[in-house]
Amino acid sequence: MTGKSIYREKFPRVAGARSGKPCYASVVLVKDRLYAVSRAGDTCVLPAKPAFEVLAQNPLSSDTSDFNASPAISDGKILLRSNRFLYCIADDN
C-alpha cells in the first residue's frame, strides 16, 4: 500500500538459462502467487508474502528471442509473448 520495498533479490539461474537476461516485464499477481518472466523466457513463481522464496522456475529455452511483455492471465491460462511466439500455458486437468 505504501510502495515501500519489502525485499530485493536476484532470481537463481535456471539450468540452461541464457545469461545477462534480467526481468524486464512487470510481475503479475494471481491469487497468492507472483509470476515474473525474464527476458530469456524463464518464469519464476514466488509466493506473495514478505519473504523471498522461489516456488518454481519454468524455462522456455527453445525460444532464443527476448521476452519483453508482461504475462497475461485469462480463464486460468497464462499467456507469454516473446519477440517470435505467443505461448499459452494451461493445466489440462
N, C-alpha and C. Protein backbone atom coordinates (compact mmCIF):
# COMPACT_ATOMS: atom_id res chain seq x y z
N MET A 1 0.80 -1.20 0.00
CA MET A 1 0.00 0.00 0.00
C MET A 1 0.85 1.26 0.00
N THR A 2 2.01 1.20 0.63
CA THR A 2 2.85 2.40 0.75
C THR A 2 3.85 2.54 -0.38
N GLY A 3 4.09 1.47 -1.12
CA GLY A 3 5.11 1.50 -2.17
C GLY A 3 6.50 1.20 -1.64
N LYS A 4 6.60 0.94 -0.34
CA LYS A 4 7.88 0.62 0.29
C LYS A 4 8.35 -0.77 -0.16
N SER A 5 9.64 -0.89 -0.48
CA SER A 5 10.21 -2.18 -0.86
C SER A 5 10.18 -3.14 0.32
N ILE A 6 9.79 -4.36 0.06
CA ILE A 6 9.77 -5.39 1.10
C ILE A 6 11.08 -6.18 1.08
N TYR A 7 11.52 -6.55 -0.12
CA TYR A 7 12.81 -7.21 -0.29
C TYR A 7 13.28 -7.01 -1.72
N ARG A 8 14.56 -7.24 -1.94
CA ARG A 8 15.14 -7.15 -3.28
C ARG A 8 16.13 -8.30 -3.40
N GLU A 9 15.88 -9.18 -4.35
CA GLU A 9 16.72 -10.37 -4.53
C GLU A 9 16.91 -10.63 -6.02
N LYS A 10 17.97 -11.33 -6.35
CA LYS A 10 18.17 -11.81 -7.71
C LYS A 10 17.61 -13.23 -7.80
N PHE A 11 17.00 -13.53 -8.94
CA PHE A 11 16.49 -14.88 -9.14
C PHE A 11 17.65 -15.83 -9.37
N PRO A 12 17.58 -17.02 -8.81
CA PRO A 12 18.62 -18.01 -9.08
C PRO A 12 18.60 -18.38 -10.57
N ARG A 13 19.74 -18.74 -11.10
CA ARG A 13 19.83 -19.10 -12.51
C ARG A 13 19.21 -20.48 -12.74
N VAL A 14 18.39 -20.57 -13.78
CA VAL A 14 17.79 -21.83 -14.19
C VAL A 14 18.82 -22.60 -15.01
N ALA A 15 18.90 -23.91 -14.81
CA ALA A 15 19.82 -24.72 -15.60
C ALA A 15 19.52 -24.53 -17.08
N GLY A 16 20.54 -24.20 -17.85
CA GLY A 16 20.37 -24.00 -19.28
C GLY A 16 19.88 -22.61 -19.67
N ALA A 17 19.65 -21.74 -18.69
CA ALA A 17 19.15 -20.40 -18.99
C ALA A 17 20.25 -19.55 -19.60
N ARG A 18 19.84 -18.59 -20.44
CA ARG A 18 20.80 -17.67 -21.04
C ARG A 18 21.17 -16.61 -20.01
N SER A 19 22.42 -16.23 -20.00
CA SER A 19 22.87 -15.23 -19.03
C SER A 19 22.60 -13.82 -19.53
N GLY A 20 22.67 -12.85 -18.62
CA GLY A 20 22.53 -11.45 -18.98
C GLY A 20 21.13 -11.05 -19.40
N LYS A 21 20.13 -11.79 -19.00
CA LYS A 21 18.76 -11.52 -19.40
C LYS A 21 17.87 -11.34 -18.17
N PRO A 22 17.89 -10.19 -17.56
CA PRO A 22 17.08 -9.96 -16.36
C PRO A 22 15.59 -9.83 -16.69
N CYS A 23 14.79 -9.65 -15.68
CA CYS A 23 13.36 -9.41 -15.88
C CYS A 23 13.15 -7.99 -16.38
N TYR A 24 12.36 -7.85 -17.40
CA TYR A 24 12.04 -6.55 -17.99
C TYR A 24 10.56 -6.26 -17.83
N ALA A 25 9.73 -7.30 -17.97
CA ALA A 25 8.27 -7.17 -17.88
C ALA A 25 7.83 -7.00 -16.43
N SER A 26 6.62 -6.53 -16.26
CA SER A 26 6.05 -6.39 -14.92
C SER A 26 5.72 -7.75 -14.32
N VAL A 27 5.82 -7.82 -13.02
CA VAL A 27 5.43 -9.03 -12.29
C VAL A 27 3.90 -9.04 -12.20
N VAL A 28 3.31 -10.23 -12.28
CA VAL A 28 1.85 -10.37 -12.25
C VAL A 28 1.46 -11.16 -11.00
N LEU A 29 0.43 -10.70 -10.32
CA LEU A 29 -0.12 -11.37 -9.14
C LEU A 29 -1.36 -12.15 -9.55
N VAL A 30 -1.37 -13.45 -9.23
CA VAL A 30 -2.53 -14.30 -9.45
C VAL A 30 -2.79 -15.06 -8.15
N LYS A 31 -3.92 -14.74 -7.52
CA LYS A 31 -4.27 -15.29 -6.21
C LYS A 31 -3.14 -14.99 -5.23
N ASP A 32 -2.41 -16.00 -4.77
CA ASP A 32 -1.34 -15.78 -3.80
C ASP A 32 0.04 -16.04 -4.38
N ARG A 33 0.15 -15.93 -5.72
CA ARG A 33 1.41 -16.18 -6.41
C ARG A 33 1.81 -14.99 -7.28
N LEU A 34 3.13 -14.75 -7.34
CA LEU A 34 3.69 -13.75 -8.23
C LEU A 34 4.40 -14.48 -9.38
N TYR A 35 4.20 -14.00 -10.60
CA TYR A 35 4.83 -14.58 -11.78
C TYR A 35 5.73 -13.53 -12.41
N ALA A 36 7.01 -13.85 -12.55
CA ALA A 36 7.98 -12.93 -13.14
C ALA A 36 8.67 -13.65 -14.30
N VAL A 37 8.66 -13.02 -15.47
CA VAL A 37 9.25 -13.63 -16.67
C VAL A 37 10.52 -12.87 -17.03
N SER A 38 11.62 -13.59 -17.15
CA SER A 38 12.88 -12.96 -17.56
C SER A 38 12.87 -12.74 -19.06
N ARG A 39 13.80 -11.94 -19.54
CA ARG A 39 13.90 -11.70 -20.98
C ARG A 39 14.31 -12.97 -21.72
N ALA A 40 14.88 -13.95 -21.01
CA ALA A 40 15.26 -15.23 -21.63
C ALA A 40 14.11 -16.23 -21.63
N GLY A 41 12.95 -15.85 -21.10
CA GLY A 41 11.80 -16.75 -21.13
C GLY A 41 11.68 -17.68 -19.94
N ASP A 42 12.37 -17.36 -18.87
CA ASP A 42 12.27 -18.17 -17.65
C ASP A 42 11.21 -17.54 -16.74
N THR A 43 10.21 -18.31 -16.35
CA THR A 43 9.17 -17.79 -15.47
C THR A 43 9.45 -18.26 -14.04
N CYS A 44 9.58 -17.32 -13.13
CA CYS A 44 9.76 -17.63 -11.71
C CYS A 44 8.43 -17.43 -11.01
N VAL A 45 8.09 -18.37 -10.16
CA VAL A 45 6.86 -18.30 -9.38
C VAL A 45 7.25 -18.11 -7.92
N LEU A 46 6.71 -17.06 -7.31
CA LEU A 46 7.02 -16.70 -5.92
C LEU A 46 5.73 -16.61 -5.12
N PRO A 47 5.79 -16.90 -3.84
CA PRO A 47 4.60 -16.63 -3.01
C PRO A 47 4.49 -15.12 -2.77
N ALA A 48 3.27 -14.63 -2.70
CA ALA A 48 3.05 -13.20 -2.43
C ALA A 48 3.07 -13.00 -0.92
N LYS A 49 4.27 -12.98 -0.37
CA LYS A 49 4.46 -12.77 1.06
C LYS A 49 5.75 -11.99 1.26
N PRO A 50 5.97 -11.45 2.42
CA PRO A 50 7.13 -10.57 2.63
C PRO A 50 8.46 -11.29 2.89
N ALA A 51 8.66 -12.43 2.25
CA ALA A 51 9.94 -13.13 2.33
C ALA A 51 10.21 -13.75 0.97
N PHE A 52 11.45 -13.64 0.48
CA PHE A 52 11.80 -14.16 -0.84
C PHE A 52 11.87 -15.68 -0.80
N GLU A 53 11.15 -16.31 -1.73
CA GLU A 53 11.17 -17.76 -1.86
C GLU A 53 10.79 -18.07 -3.30
N VAL A 54 11.53 -18.94 -3.95
CA VAL A 54 11.20 -19.35 -5.31
C VAL A 54 10.47 -20.68 -5.22
N LEU A 55 9.21 -20.70 -5.65
CA LEU A 55 8.42 -21.94 -5.63
C LEU A 55 8.70 -22.79 -6.86
N ALA A 56 8.92 -22.14 -8.01
CA ALA A 56 9.18 -22.86 -9.25
C ALA A 56 9.88 -21.95 -10.23
N GLN A 57 10.65 -22.56 -11.12
CA GLN A 57 11.26 -21.85 -12.25
C GLN A 57 10.99 -22.68 -13.49
N ASN A 58 10.40 -22.04 -14.47
CA ASN A 58 9.97 -22.75 -15.67
C ASN A 58 10.55 -22.09 -16.92
N PRO A 59 11.58 -22.69 -17.50
CA PRO A 59 12.21 -22.09 -18.68
C PRO A 59 11.50 -22.47 -19.99
N LEU A 60 11.49 -21.54 -20.93
CA LEU A 60 11.10 -21.81 -22.31
C LEU A 60 12.38 -21.66 -23.14
N SER A 61 13.28 -22.59 -22.97
CA SER A 61 14.63 -22.45 -23.52
C SER A 61 14.71 -22.69 -25.03
N SER A 62 13.67 -23.24 -25.64
CA SER A 62 13.73 -23.49 -27.08
C SER A 62 13.55 -22.21 -27.90
N ASP A 63 13.03 -21.15 -27.28
CA ASP A 63 12.83 -19.86 -27.95
C ASP A 63 14.00 -18.95 -27.56
N THR A 64 14.84 -18.62 -28.53
CA THR A 64 16.03 -17.82 -28.22
C THR A 64 15.81 -16.32 -28.39
N SER A 65 14.58 -15.90 -28.71
CA SER A 65 14.29 -14.47 -28.80
C SER A 65 13.99 -13.93 -27.40
N ASP A 66 13.85 -12.62 -27.29
CA ASP A 66 13.60 -11.99 -25.98
C ASP A 66 12.12 -12.01 -25.61
N PHE A 67 11.87 -12.08 -24.32
CA PHE A 67 10.53 -11.96 -23.75
C PHE A 67 10.48 -10.60 -23.05
N ASN A 68 9.78 -9.65 -23.65
CA ASN A 68 9.70 -8.30 -23.10
C ASN A 68 8.33 -7.96 -22.53
N ALA A 69 7.33 -8.77 -22.85
CA ALA A 69 5.96 -8.46 -22.44
C ALA A 69 5.64 -9.06 -21.08
N SER A 70 4.78 -8.37 -20.35
CA SER A 70 4.29 -8.90 -19.07
C SER A 70 3.37 -10.08 -19.35
N PRO A 71 3.35 -11.08 -18.47
CA PRO A 71 2.43 -12.19 -18.67
C PRO A 71 0.99 -11.69 -18.57
N ALA A 72 0.11 -12.34 -19.30
CA ALA A 72 -1.32 -12.04 -19.23
C ALA A 72 -2.03 -13.28 -18.69
N ILE A 73 -3.04 -13.06 -17.90
CA ILE A 73 -3.80 -14.15 -17.29
C ILE A 73 -5.22 -14.09 -17.81
N SER A 74 -5.74 -15.23 -18.28
CA SER A 74 -7.11 -15.28 -18.78
C SER A 74 -7.68 -16.68 -18.60
N ASP A 75 -8.78 -16.77 -17.90
CA ASP A 75 -9.52 -18.03 -17.75
C ASP A 75 -8.61 -19.18 -17.28
N GLY A 76 -7.75 -18.89 -16.31
CA GLY A 76 -6.88 -19.92 -15.75
C GLY A 76 -5.66 -20.25 -16.60
N LYS A 77 -5.42 -19.49 -17.64
CA LYS A 77 -4.27 -19.71 -18.51
C LYS A 77 -3.30 -18.54 -18.38
N ILE A 78 -2.02 -18.84 -18.57
CA ILE A 78 -1.00 -17.80 -18.59
C ILE A 78 -0.53 -17.66 -20.03
N LEU A 79 -0.55 -16.43 -20.51
CA LEU A 79 -0.10 -16.14 -21.87
C LEU A 79 1.25 -15.42 -21.79
N LEU A 80 2.24 -15.96 -22.48
CA LEU A 80 3.58 -15.39 -22.51
C LEU A 80 3.93 -15.06 -23.96
N ARG A 81 4.49 -13.88 -24.18
CA ARG A 81 4.83 -13.48 -25.54
C ARG A 81 6.32 -13.17 -25.64
N SER A 82 6.94 -13.82 -26.61
CA SER A 82 8.33 -13.49 -26.94
C SER A 82 8.31 -12.60 -28.17
N ASN A 83 9.49 -12.27 -28.67
CA ASN A 83 9.56 -11.48 -29.90
C ASN A 83 9.15 -12.31 -31.12
N ARG A 84 9.01 -13.64 -30.93
CA ARG A 84 8.68 -14.52 -32.06
C ARG A 84 7.35 -15.25 -31.90
N PHE A 85 6.98 -15.63 -30.67
CA PHE A 85 5.84 -16.51 -30.48
C PHE A 85 4.96 -16.04 -29.33
N LEU A 86 3.72 -16.54 -29.33
CA LEU A 86 2.81 -16.37 -28.21
C LEU A 86 2.57 -17.76 -27.63
N TYR A 87 2.77 -17.90 -26.32
CA TYR A 87 2.59 -19.19 -25.64
C TYR A 87 1.38 -19.12 -24.73
N CYS A 88 0.64 -20.22 -24.68
CA CYS A 88 -0.48 -20.35 -23.75
C CYS A 88 -0.16 -21.53 -22.85
N ILE A 89 -0.01 -21.25 -21.54
CA ILE A 89 0.32 -22.27 -20.56
C ILE A 89 -0.97 -22.57 -19.79
N ALA A 90 -1.39 -23.84 -19.82
CA ALA A 90 -2.66 -24.21 -19.17
C ALA A 90 -2.53 -25.59 -18.53
N ASP A 91 -3.34 -25.82 -17.55
CA ASP A 91 -3.43 -27.12 -16.90
C ASP A 91 -4.56 -27.89 -17.57
N ASP A 92 -4.25 -29.08 -18.06
CA ASP A 92 -5.27 -29.89 -18.75
C ASP A 92 -6.30 -30.50 -17.81
N ASN A 93 -6.06 -30.44 -16.52
CA ASN A 93 -6.99 -31.09 -15.57
C ASN A 93 -8.25 -30.29 -15.39
